[in-house]
Amino acid sequence: MTAATSEGPRPGGEGPRPGAAAVARFGARVAGVPLALPLGTALEFVAGATVHPLPLAPARVAGLMQLRGQPLVVFDPARRANETIGVRRCDVLVVGAPPEAALVVDAAPQPLPQGARAALRVPAGCSFAAELEAARTAASTRNTRAADAASTSSTAGTAGTAGTAWLEVEPQRLFEALARG
């Protein structure tokens, strides 16, 4: 087993490189909202995936894609009810092993350094705020004050994450909420 860091494992799996910040988890922006995924969550980024519409599906279901010959539901939290879109190509993040579902993302996921700042609340004006509230991790809702105190810790070391507050979510709960909504 090799020890992974934001700079990658050392040759021979000897642990992290000196001075390398250990990666605790990954984050991805979904409809402009930075989401932190739990440590150990299996992820696969698919650039330009072909998503086929699914008639009569709930509003947040973008459609189906194929992953290694198997159909997979794709959720798009930015999608509005009654919005009709044909076949389209978009970047998706496949979550779970075996894959549970996929999310349309703004860009590839990025590693979050340990101590990355946690968001205290869902951003104002978020089009899928109710679904995010339902998907927040138990730790993120229970430890709001602790997250506020930790928000002063440094997040430097990973491009694009410094100063960003990441909302911690449980993917399965997010998928369930999006499917209802």
Protein backbone atom coordinates (compact mmCIF):
# COMPACT_ATOMS: atom_id res chain seq x y z
CA MET A 1 0.00 0.00 0.00
CA THR A 2 1.34 3.42 -0.86
CA ALA A 3 0.81 6.56 1.15
CA ALA A 4 -0.76 9.27 -0.97
CA THR A 5 -0.26 12.99 -0.60
CA SER A 6 -1.15 16.01 -2.66
CA GLU A 7 2.25 15.57 -4.29
CA GLY A 8 1.75 11.83 -4.80
CA PRO A 9 3.37 8.84 -3.14
CA ARG A 10 7.09 8.46 -2.79
CA PRO A 11 8.75 5.83 -4.94
CA GLY A 12 8.43 2.42 -3.32
CA GLY A 13 5.46 3.52 -1.19
CA GLU A 14 7.67 4.86 1.58
CA GLY A 15 5.15 7.43 2.76
CA PRO A 16 4.69 11.11 2.03
CA ARG A 17 7.41 13.31 0.67
CA PRO A 18 8.98 15.65 3.19
CA GLY A 19 6.97 18.87 3.39
CA ALA A 20 4.01 17.42 1.49
CA ALA A 21 0.55 18.16 2.85
CA ALA A 22 -1.51 14.98 3.28
CA VAL A 23 -4.75 14.88 1.32
CA ALA A 24 -7.71 14.23 3.59
CA ARG A 25 -10.41 14.20 0.93
CA PHE A 26 -11.55 15.67 -2.37
CA GLY A 27 -13.87 18.51 -3.18
CA ALA A 28 -15.78 19.50 -6.30
CA ARG A 29 -17.81 22.52 -7.33
CA VAL A 30 -21.38 21.62 -8.19
CA ALA A 31 -23.51 24.43 -9.65
CA GLY A 32 -20.97 26.87 -8.20
CA VAL A 33 -21.11 25.42 -4.68
CA PRO A 34 -17.88 23.93 -3.27
CA LEU A 35 -18.70 20.48 -1.84
CA ALA A 36 -16.34 18.39 0.29
CA LEU A 37 -16.75 14.63 -0.04
CA PRO A 38 -16.02 12.24 2.84
CA LEU A 39 -12.59 10.67 3.16
CA GLY A 40 -12.36 7.41 1.24
CA THR A 41 -15.23 8.15 -1.15
CA ALA A 42 -14.59 6.41 -4.47
CA LEU A 43 -14.63 9.03 -7.26
CA GLU A 44 -14.17 8.95 -11.01
CA PHE A 45 -14.14 12.13 -13.10
CA VAL A 46 -15.49 11.77 -16.65
CA ALA A 47 -14.86 14.78 -18.87
CA GLY A 48 -17.45 15.39 -21.57
CA ALA A 49 -19.71 12.46 -20.70
CA THR A 50 -22.70 11.98 -23.00
CA VAL A 51 -25.89 12.33 -20.94
CA HIS A 52 -29.17 11.15 -22.45
CA PRO A 53 -32.40 12.75 -21.19
CA LEU A 54 -34.76 10.62 -19.13
CA PRO A 55 -38.40 11.55 -19.83
CA LEU A 56 -40.63 12.07 -16.77
CA ALA A 57 -37.66 11.97 -14.40
CA PRO A 58 -37.53 14.28 -11.35
CA ALA A 59 -36.37 17.84 -12.03
CA ARG A 60 -32.78 17.34 -10.84
CA VAL A 61 -32.17 14.19 -12.90
CA ALA A 62 -30.17 15.20 -15.97
CA GLY A 63 -30.51 11.75 -17.49
CA LEU A 64 -28.47 8.59 -18.00
CA MET A 65 -24.89 8.01 -19.06
CA GLN A 66 -23.03 4.80 -19.79
CA LEU A 67 -20.06 3.82 -17.68
CA ARG A 68 -18.26 0.72 -18.88
CA GLY A 69 -21.48 -0.43 -20.59
CA GLN A 70 -23.73 0.09 -17.56
CA PRO A 71 -26.38 2.84 -17.28
CA LEU A 72 -25.85 5.37 -14.53
CA VAL A 73 -28.17 8.13 -13.32
CA VAL A 74 -26.71 11.64 -13.62
CA PHE A 75 -27.95 14.39 -11.31
CA ASP A 76 -27.68 18.08 -12.17
CA PRO A 77 -28.58 20.27 -9.18
CA ALA A 78 -28.62 23.37 -11.41
CA ARG A 79 -31.35 21.87 -13.62
CA ARG A 80 -34.78 23.47 -13.29
CA ALA A 81 -38.18 21.79 -13.41
CA ASN A 82 -39.71 21.60 -16.89
CA GLU A 83 -36.33 22.34 -18.48
CA THR A 84 -36.02 20.28 -21.63
CA ILE A 85 -32.54 19.52 -22.84
CA GLY A 86 -31.65 16.90 -25.41
CA VAL A 87 -28.57 14.73 -25.40
CA ARG A 88 -25.67 16.77 -24.03
CA ARG A 89 -22.04 16.45 -23.06
CA CYS A 90 -20.93 17.56 -19.61
CA ASP A 91 -18.29 16.90 -16.99
CA VAL A 92 -19.50 14.46 -14.35
CA LEU A 93 -18.20 13.03 -11.12
CA VAL A 94 -19.11 9.37 -10.65
CA VAL A 95 -19.43 8.57 -6.95
CA GLY A 96 -19.20 5.23 -5.20
CA ALA A 97 -17.81 1.77 -5.79
CA PRO A 98 -19.75 0.24 -7.37
CA PRO A 99 -20.95 3.53 -8.86
CA GLU A 100 -24.07 4.87 -7.14
CA ALA A 101 -24.73 7.85 -9.41
CA ALA A 102 -22.99 10.81 -11.01
CA LEU A 103 -23.14 14.58 -10.50
CA VAL A 104 -22.69 17.25 -13.14
CA VAL A 105 -19.69 19.26 -11.90
CA ASP A 106 -18.16 22.59 -12.87
CA ALA A 107 -14.63 21.13 -13.14
CA ALA A 108 -12.54 18.16 -12.07
CA PRO A 109 -12.43 17.46 -8.33
CA GLN A 110 -9.48 18.79 -6.40
CA PRO A 111 -7.66 17.50 -3.34
CA LEU A 112 -8.43 19.34 -0.12
CA PRO A 113 -5.64 19.70 2.40
CA GLN A 114 -6.18 18.62 5.98
CA GLY A 115 -7.75 21.48 7.87
CA ALA A 116 -9.60 22.84 4.83
CA ARG A 117 -12.16 25.36 5.97
CA ALA A 118 -15.67 23.97 6.47
CA ALA A 119 -18.70 25.99 5.42
CA LEU A 120 -21.13 26.73 8.21
CA ARG A 121 -24.22 27.05 6.06
CA VAL A 122 -25.49 26.54 2.55
CA PRO A 123 -24.64 29.61 0.42
CA ALA A 124 -27.41 32.18 0.04
CA GLY A 125 -29.22 32.00 -3.27
CA CYS A 126 -28.24 28.36 -3.88
CA SER A 127 -30.77 26.79 -6.26
CA PHE A 128 -30.59 23.44 -4.47
CA ALA A 129 -30.31 24.61 -0.84
CA ALA A 130 -32.97 22.23 0.51
CA GLU A 131 -31.21 19.23 -1.02
CA LEU A 132 -27.85 20.35 0.37
CA GLU A 133 -29.27 20.78 3.86
CA ALA A 134 -30.61 17.22 3.67
CA ALA A 135 -27.21 15.93 2.52
CA ARG A 136 -24.97 17.65 5.04
CA THR A 137 -22.86 15.27 7.08
CA ALA A 138 -23.83 14.71 10.68
CA ALA A 139 -20.46 16.15 11.70
CA SER A 140 -21.01 19.34 9.69
CA THR A 141 -24.39 20.03 11.25
CA ARG A 142 -23.37 18.98 14.77
CA ASN A 143 -20.04 20.81 14.84
CA THR A 144 -20.99 24.20 13.43
CA ARG A 145 -19.20 26.06 16.22
CA ALA A 146 -16.08 23.90 15.89
CA ALA A 147 -16.03 24.54 12.14
CA ASP A 148 -16.31 28.26 12.78
CA ALA A 149 -13.31 28.15 15.10
CA ALA A 150 -11.34 26.03 12.61
CA SER A 151 -12.14 28.38 9.74
CA THR A 152 -9.20 30.53 10.72
CA SER A 153 -6.76 27.67 10.01
CA SER A 154 -4.60 27.90 6.91
CA THR A 155 -5.73 26.16 3.73
CA ALA A 156 -2.71 27.13 1.66
CA GLY A 157 -0.93 24.45 -0.31
CA THR A 158 -3.59 23.39 -2.80
CA ALA A 159 -4.31 25.63 -5.75
CA GLY A 160 -7.84 26.95 -5.84
CA THR A 161 -8.79 25.93 -2.30
CA ALA A 162 -7.18 28.67 -0.21
CA GLY A 163 -9.87 30.64 1.57
CA THR A 164 -12.69 28.51 0.16
CA ALA A 165 -15.24 27.16 2.62
CA TRP A 166 -16.24 23.62 1.59
CA LEU A 167 -19.70 22.30 2.48
CA GLU A 168 -19.38 18.74 3.77
CA VAL A 169 -21.99 16.41 2.25
CA GLU A 170 -22.79 12.70 2.23
CA PRO A 171 -23.14 11.74 -1.46
CA GLN A 172 -25.81 9.08 -0.87
CA ARG A 173 -27.99 11.55 1.06
CA LEU A 174 -27.47 14.17 -1.67
CA PHE A 175 -28.53 11.69 -4.39
CA GLU A 176 -31.64 10.75 -2.40
CA ALA A 177 -32.59 14.41 -1.88
CA LEU A 178 -32.02 15.26 -5.56
CA ALA A 179 -34.11 12.27 -6.66
CA ARG A 180 -37.03 13.49 -4.53
CA GLY A 181 -36.76 17.04 -5.67
